[in-house]
Amino acid sequence: MTAQLIDGKLIAQQVRDEVAAIVAKRTAAGKMKPTLATVLVGDRPDSAAYVASKGKACQELGMGSISEHLPADAAQEQVESLVRRLNADPTVSGILVQLPMPSHIDEERVLSLINIEKDVDGFSPLNIGRLAQKGREPLFVPCTPYGCIYLLEKSGVKIEGANAVVLGRSNIVGMPAALLLIGKNATVTVCHSRTKDIAGVVRQADILIAAIGKTEMVRGDWIKPGAAVIDVGINSVPDVTKKSGHRLVGDVNFNEAKEVAGFITPVPGGVGPMTIAMLMKNTLHAAEIQDR
């Protein structure tokens, strides 16, 4: 292995420790405890697990958490009414609406209702709009892309002047990641299902963020020697050696890429832990904004 492994677990724990220390100081000074409110509509097991992990993280860091659960057949107005109530609640620092919601719910309408000062997921059109505009700063950055950039910076990867490629153009990861890289003065190419010669484009990348949702799509011979590879993908593949019968892999063929790249994140243990760590950081920031 020639690549330096980017340890997301370790870096995420450093972020969590920093947040916990600041929260403890706030509490000791009599300030409001940063509190995250999560909204879950329906009974998707994966979404319920994500919400539970966020509540657990809040508890571990000395923060408050409120879990709001609506049934899968909840009406649009019920969801919107709940968001409005949380907006008006002074004890709530941040609001996170767990996606995806049932198909009959207009997600964009729900997200647009969240007070920009409580939009700790960073998905409000106002926050994304600020992220896209030169000279303006969003109050919050979407947590997974935020974690990707944080990993690069903490690992000493130079972003300014780099050729960066983002695989995937989702609103949750790909597009915000591209905007963040542009904001750091990288030259950015976004690849997607209609891109011609994706492998050829990726080979030009000093920095690759893979978030396309295809199991081990990026092969070792796609990687520019010495490139930094951030793998956002989480894909399950059969593995009879595991008790569960499966294991998680990314969008990058790790065993091939690690022999070529300069830096690489593993799956699991790379980007995944950073998402919740940055959510905790955003929730603390929301509480600080509301102190003013």
Protein backbone atom coordinates (compact mmCIF):
# COMPACT_ATOMS: atom_id res chain seq x y z
CA MET A 1 0.00 0.00 0.00
CA THR A 2 1.48 3.32 -1.05
CA ALA A 3 -1.41 5.61 -0.05
CA GLN A 4 -1.64 7.31 3.32
CA LEU A 5 -4.83 6.13 5.00
CA ILE A 6 -7.13 8.98 6.06
CA ASP A 7 -8.55 7.81 9.39
CA GLY A 8 -12.08 9.21 9.52
CA LYS A 9 -12.77 7.61 12.90
CA LEU A 10 -9.81 9.34 14.50
CA ILE A 11 -10.46 12.75 12.93
CA ALA A 12 -14.18 12.53 13.72
CA GLN A 13 -13.38 11.77 17.35
CA GLN A 14 -11.14 14.83 17.50
CA VAL A 15 -14.03 16.96 16.22
CA ARG A 16 -16.40 15.40 18.77
CA ASP A 17 -13.93 15.99 21.60
CA GLU A 18 -13.58 19.66 20.63
CA VAL A 19 -17.37 20.08 20.49
CA ALA A 20 -17.85 18.31 23.84
CA ALA A 21 -15.29 20.60 25.51
CA ILE A 22 -17.04 23.75 24.25
CA VAL A 23 -20.47 22.39 25.24
CA ALA A 24 -19.17 21.70 28.75
CA LYS A 25 -17.91 25.27 29.04
CA ARG A 26 -21.27 26.61 27.82
CA THR A 27 -23.18 24.53 30.34
CA ALA A 28 -20.88 25.59 33.16
CA ALA A 29 -21.45 29.23 32.20
CA GLY A 30 -25.22 28.75 32.38
CA LYS A 31 -25.80 29.05 28.65
CA MET A 32 -28.42 27.06 26.75
CA LYS A 33 -27.47 23.47 26.00
CA PRO A 34 -27.18 22.96 22.22
CA THR A 35 -30.17 20.81 21.29
CA LEU A 36 -30.89 18.96 18.05
CA ALA A 37 -34.45 18.15 17.00
CA THR A 38 -34.84 15.35 14.46
CA VAL A 39 -37.97 14.77 12.38
CA LEU A 40 -38.62 11.25 11.09
CA VAL A 41 -41.61 10.54 8.87
CA GLY A 42 -42.36 6.85 8.36
CA ASP A 43 -40.68 3.66 9.53
CA ARG A 44 -37.69 3.04 7.26
CA PRO A 45 -35.26 0.99 9.38
CA ASP A 46 -32.19 2.75 7.96
CA SER A 47 -33.64 6.20 8.64
CA ALA A 48 -34.65 5.18 12.17
CA ALA A 49 -31.10 3.92 12.79
CA TYR A 50 -29.59 7.18 11.51
CA VAL A 51 -31.87 9.23 13.78
CA ALA A 52 -31.01 7.05 16.78
CA SER A 53 -27.28 7.44 16.14
CA LYS A 54 -27.65 11.23 16.02
CA GLY A 55 -29.49 11.23 19.34
CA LYS A 56 -26.81 9.03 20.87
CA ALA A 57 -24.07 11.38 19.64
CA CYS A 58 -25.85 14.35 21.23
CA GLN A 59 -26.02 12.52 24.54
CA GLU A 60 -22.34 11.55 24.42
CA LEU A 61 -21.30 15.17 23.79
CA GLY A 62 -23.47 16.66 26.54
CA MET A 63 -25.99 18.08 24.09
CA GLY A 64 -29.77 17.80 24.11
CA SER A 65 -31.85 15.89 21.58
CA ILE A 66 -35.54 15.81 20.69
CA SER A 67 -36.92 13.07 18.45
CA GLU A 68 -40.16 13.74 16.57
CA HIS A 69 -41.69 10.76 14.74
CA LEU A 70 -44.68 10.98 12.42
CA PRO A 71 -46.38 8.00 10.73
CA ALA A 72 -45.71 7.18 7.08
CA ASP A 73 -49.16 8.44 6.10
CA ALA A 74 -48.72 11.82 7.79
CA ALA A 75 -50.11 14.68 5.72
CA GLN A 76 -47.94 17.42 4.25
CA GLU A 77 -49.53 19.95 6.61
CA GLN A 78 -48.67 17.80 9.66
CA VAL A 79 -45.00 17.75 8.72
CA GLU A 80 -44.96 21.47 7.95
CA SER A 81 -46.77 22.28 11.21
CA LEU A 82 -44.20 20.30 13.17
CA VAL A 83 -41.30 22.15 11.52
CA ARG A 84 -42.97 25.51 12.29
CA ARG A 85 -43.36 24.50 15.93
CA LEU A 86 -39.70 23.53 16.20
CA ASN A 87 -38.71 26.81 14.52
CA ALA A 88 -40.57 28.69 17.24
CA ASP A 89 -39.18 26.63 20.12
CA PRO A 90 -36.33 28.59 21.77
CA THR A 91 -34.89 25.41 23.34
CA VAL A 92 -34.23 23.90 19.88
CA SER A 93 -30.87 24.91 18.38
CA GLY A 94 -31.02 22.87 15.18
CA ILE A 95 -33.59 20.99 13.14
CA LEU A 96 -32.81 17.96 11.00
CA VAL A 97 -35.48 16.43 8.77
CA GLN A 98 -34.42 12.87 7.99
CA LEU A 99 -34.44 12.13 4.26
CA PRO A 100 -35.87 10.52 2.27
CA MET A 101 -39.46 11.12 3.34
CA PRO A 102 -42.47 9.21 1.93
CA SER A 103 -43.11 9.98 -1.73
CA HIS A 104 -46.29 11.98 -1.10
CA ILE A 105 -44.38 14.55 0.97
CA ASP A 106 -42.91 17.56 -0.86
CA GLU A 107 -39.41 17.52 0.66
CA GLU A 108 -38.39 20.84 -0.85
CA ARG A 109 -41.33 22.62 0.74
CA VAL A 110 -40.53 21.11 4.13
CA LEU A 111 -36.82 21.95 3.97
CA SER A 112 -37.54 25.52 2.84
CA LEU A 113 -39.57 26.07 6.03
CA ILE A 114 -36.63 25.42 8.36
CA ASN A 115 -35.34 28.62 9.93
CA ILE A 116 -31.96 29.33 8.31
CA GLU A 117 -30.44 29.76 11.79
CA LYS A 118 -31.56 26.20 12.67
CA ASP A 119 -30.72 24.54 9.33
CA VAL A 120 -27.92 22.35 10.72
CA ASP A 121 -28.14 19.98 7.73
CA GLY A 122 -27.32 22.92 5.45
CA PHE A 123 -30.00 22.02 2.90
CA SER A 124 -32.06 25.21 3.06
CA PRO A 125 -32.17 26.95 -0.34
CA LEU A 126 -30.79 30.02 1.43
CA ASN A 127 -27.75 28.19 2.77
CA ILE A 128 -27.10 26.39 -0.54
CA GLY A 129 -27.55 29.70 -2.39
CA ARG A 130 -24.97 31.39 -0.18
CA LEU A 131 -22.61 28.46 -0.68
CA ALA A 132 -22.91 28.92 -4.44
CA GLN A 133 -22.21 32.65 -4.44
CA LYS A 134 -18.73 34.12 -4.35
CA GLY A 135 -18.12 36.34 -1.36
CA ARG A 136 -21.02 34.97 0.66
CA GLU A 137 -20.86 32.41 3.43
CA PRO A 138 -23.62 29.96 4.39
CA LEU A 139 -24.51 29.67 8.06
CA PHE A 140 -24.22 25.89 7.70
CA VAL A 141 -22.61 23.52 5.22
CA PRO A 142 -24.15 20.08 4.47
CA CYS A 143 -22.51 17.65 6.86
CA THR A 144 -21.09 14.97 4.55
CA PRO A 145 -19.41 17.37 2.07
CA TYR A 146 -18.21 19.43 5.05
CA GLY A 147 -16.63 16.25 6.43
CA CYS A 148 -14.98 15.46 3.09
CA ILE A 149 -13.25 18.84 2.92
CA TYR A 150 -12.30 18.65 6.60
CA LEU A 151 -10.62 15.27 6.00
CA LEU A 152 -8.61 16.69 3.10
CA GLU A 153 -7.48 19.71 5.08
CA LYS A 154 -6.60 17.74 8.21
CA SER A 155 -4.55 15.33 6.08
CA GLY A 156 -2.52 18.19 4.61
CA VAL A 157 -3.89 17.84 1.07
CA LYS A 158 -3.50 21.11 -0.85
CA ILE A 159 -6.85 22.09 -2.35
CA GLU A 160 -6.00 25.49 -3.80
CA GLY A 161 -4.96 25.13 -7.43
CA ALA A 162 -5.74 21.40 -7.53
CA ASN A 163 -7.71 19.70 -10.27
CA ALA A 164 -10.66 18.13 -8.44
CA VAL A 165 -13.23 15.70 -9.76
CA VAL A 166 -16.53 15.00 -8.03
CA LEU A 167 -18.32 11.83 -9.11
CA GLY A 168 -22.04 12.41 -8.59
CA ARG A 169 -24.22 15.51 -8.59
CA SER A 170 -26.69 14.87 -5.77
CA ASN A 171 -28.02 17.77 -3.71
CA ILE A 172 -26.82 16.03 -0.56
CA VAL A 173 -23.16 15.36 -1.46
CA GLY A 174 -21.98 15.94 -5.03
CA MET A 175 -23.10 19.49 -5.74
CA PRO A 176 -22.26 20.95 -2.29
CA ALA A 177 -18.86 19.21 -2.39
CA ALA A 178 -18.14 20.79 -5.79
CA LEU A 179 -19.14 24.23 -4.49
CA LEU A 180 -16.93 23.83 -1.42
CA LEU A 181 -13.94 22.85 -3.58
CA ILE A 182 -14.52 25.86 -5.84
CA GLY A 183 -14.66 28.03 -2.73
CA LYS A 184 -11.24 26.65 -1.78
CA ASN A 185 -9.90 27.64 -5.22
CA ALA A 186 -9.76 24.20 -6.81
CA THR A 187 -10.64 23.68 -10.48
CA VAL A 188 -13.63 21.36 -10.38
CA THR A 189 -15.23 18.92 -12.80
CA VAL A 190 -18.50 17.22 -11.85
CA CYS A 191 -19.09 13.83 -13.48
CA HIS A 192 -22.43 12.05 -13.77
CA SER A 193 -24.26 9.38 -15.77
CA ARG A 194 -24.03 11.38 -19.01
CA THR A 195 -20.32 12.22 -18.75
CA LYS A 196 -18.22 10.89 -21.63
CA ASP A 197 -15.07 8.93 -20.72
CA ILE A 198 -15.45 9.20 -16.94
CA ALA A 199 -12.28 7.17 -16.41
CA GLY A 200 -10.29 9.63 -18.52
CA VAL A 201 -11.67 12.61 -16.60
CA VAL A 202 -10.91 10.99 -13.23
CA ARG A 203 -7.31 10.30 -14.30
CA GLN A 204 -6.72 14.08 -14.37
CA ALA A 205 -7.81 14.52 -10.75
CA ASP A 206 -5.44 15.57 -7.99
CA ILE A 207 -8.46 15.21 -5.69
CA LEU A 208 -11.31 12.76 -6.25
CA ILE A 209 -14.56 12.74 -4.28
CA ALA A 210 -16.54 9.64 -5.26
CA ALA A 211 -20.24 9.87 -4.42
CA ILE A 212 -21.98 8.15 -7.31
CA GLY A 213 -23.50 5.16 -5.51
CA LYS A 214 -22.02 2.40 -7.68
CA THR A 215 -20.13 -0.43 -6.02
CA GLU A 216 -16.36 -0.16 -6.57
CA MET A 217 -16.92 1.64 -9.87
CA VAL A 218 -13.61 3.52 -9.69
CA ARG A 219 -10.73 1.18 -10.51
CA GLY A 220 -7.09 1.57 -9.63
CA ASP A 221 -6.09 2.47 -13.17
CA TRP A 222 -8.50 5.43 -13.02
CA ILE A 223 -6.46 7.06 -10.26
CA LYS A 224 -3.74 9.61 -10.93
CA PRO A 225 -0.60 8.58 -9.02
CA GLY A 226 -0.45 10.47 -5.73
CA ALA A 227 -4.06 11.70 -5.88
CA ALA A 228 -6.21 12.17 -2.78
CA VAL A 229 -9.28 9.90 -2.90
CA ILE A 230 -12.32 10.55 -0.71
CA ASP A 231 -14.82 7.68 -1.01
CA VAL A 232 -18.35 8.64 0.09
CA GLY A 233 -19.95 5.44 -1.21
CA ILE A 234 -21.57 2.90 1.12
CA ASN A 235 -22.51 -0.29 -0.72
CA SER A 236 -23.27 -3.75 0.63
CA VAL A 237 -21.73 -6.81 -1.03
CA PRO A 238 -22.08 -10.51 -0.12
CA ASP A 239 -19.34 -11.92 2.11
CA VAL A 240 -19.71 -15.40 3.57
CA THR A 241 -16.84 -14.78 6.00
CA LYS A 242 -18.95 -12.17 7.84
CA LYS A 243 -21.57 -13.08 10.43
CA SER A 244 -24.02 -10.73 8.70
CA GLY A 245 -23.32 -12.35 5.34
CA HIS A 246 -22.23 -9.05 3.81
CA ARG A 247 -19.67 -6.27 4.10
CA LEU A 248 -19.57 -2.60 3.19
CA VAL A 249 -17.47 -1.23 0.35
CA GLY A 250 -17.26 2.15 -1.34
CA ASP A 251 -17.57 3.54 -4.84
CA VAL A 252 -13.81 3.04 -5.23
CA ASN A 253 -12.04 -0.32 -5.49
CA PHE A 254 -9.96 0.25 -2.37
CA ASN A 255 -7.47 -2.60 -2.87
CA GLU A 256 -6.54 -1.32 -6.31
CA ALA A 257 -6.68 2.40 -5.57
CA LYS A 258 -4.55 2.24 -2.41
CA GLU A 259 -1.57 1.13 -4.53
CA VAL A 260 -1.75 4.28 -6.67
CA ALA A 261 -3.26 7.09 -4.59
CA GLY A 262 -1.35 9.39 -2.25
CA PHE A 263 -4.21 9.58 0.27
CA ILE A 264 -7.35 7.46 0.58
CA THR A 265 -10.31 6.99 2.89
CA PRO A 266 -11.45 3.46 3.81
CA VAL A 267 -15.05 2.23 3.77
CA PRO A 268 -16.18 1.90 6.47
CA GLY A 269 -14.25 4.22 8.77
CA GLY A 270 -13.62 7.12 6.42
CA VAL A 271 -16.29 9.67 5.55
CA GLY A 272 -19.08 7.95 7.52
CA PRO A 273 -17.99 8.96 11.03
CA MET A 274 -17.42 12.53 9.84
CA THR A 275 -21.05 13.12 8.89
CA ILE A 276 -22.37 12.92 12.45
CA ALA A 277 -19.30 14.72 13.83
CA MET A 278 -19.94 17.69 11.52
CA LEU A 279 -23.64 17.63 12.41
CA MET A 280 -22.65 18.01 16.07
CA LYS A 281 -20.32 20.86 15.10
CA ASN A 282 -23.14 22.54 13.16
CA THR A 283 -25.58 22.14 16.07
CA LEU A 284 -23.11 23.80 18.43
CA HIS A 285 -22.68 26.61 15.89
CA ALA A 286 -26.46 27.02 15.74
CA ALA A 287 -26.59 27.47 19.52
CA GLU A 288 -23.82 30.07 19.32
CA ILE A 289 -25.72 31.98 16.59
CA GLN A 290 -28.83 32.00 18.76
CA ASP A 291 -26.85 33.38 21.72
CA ARG A 292 -26.38 36.64 19.83
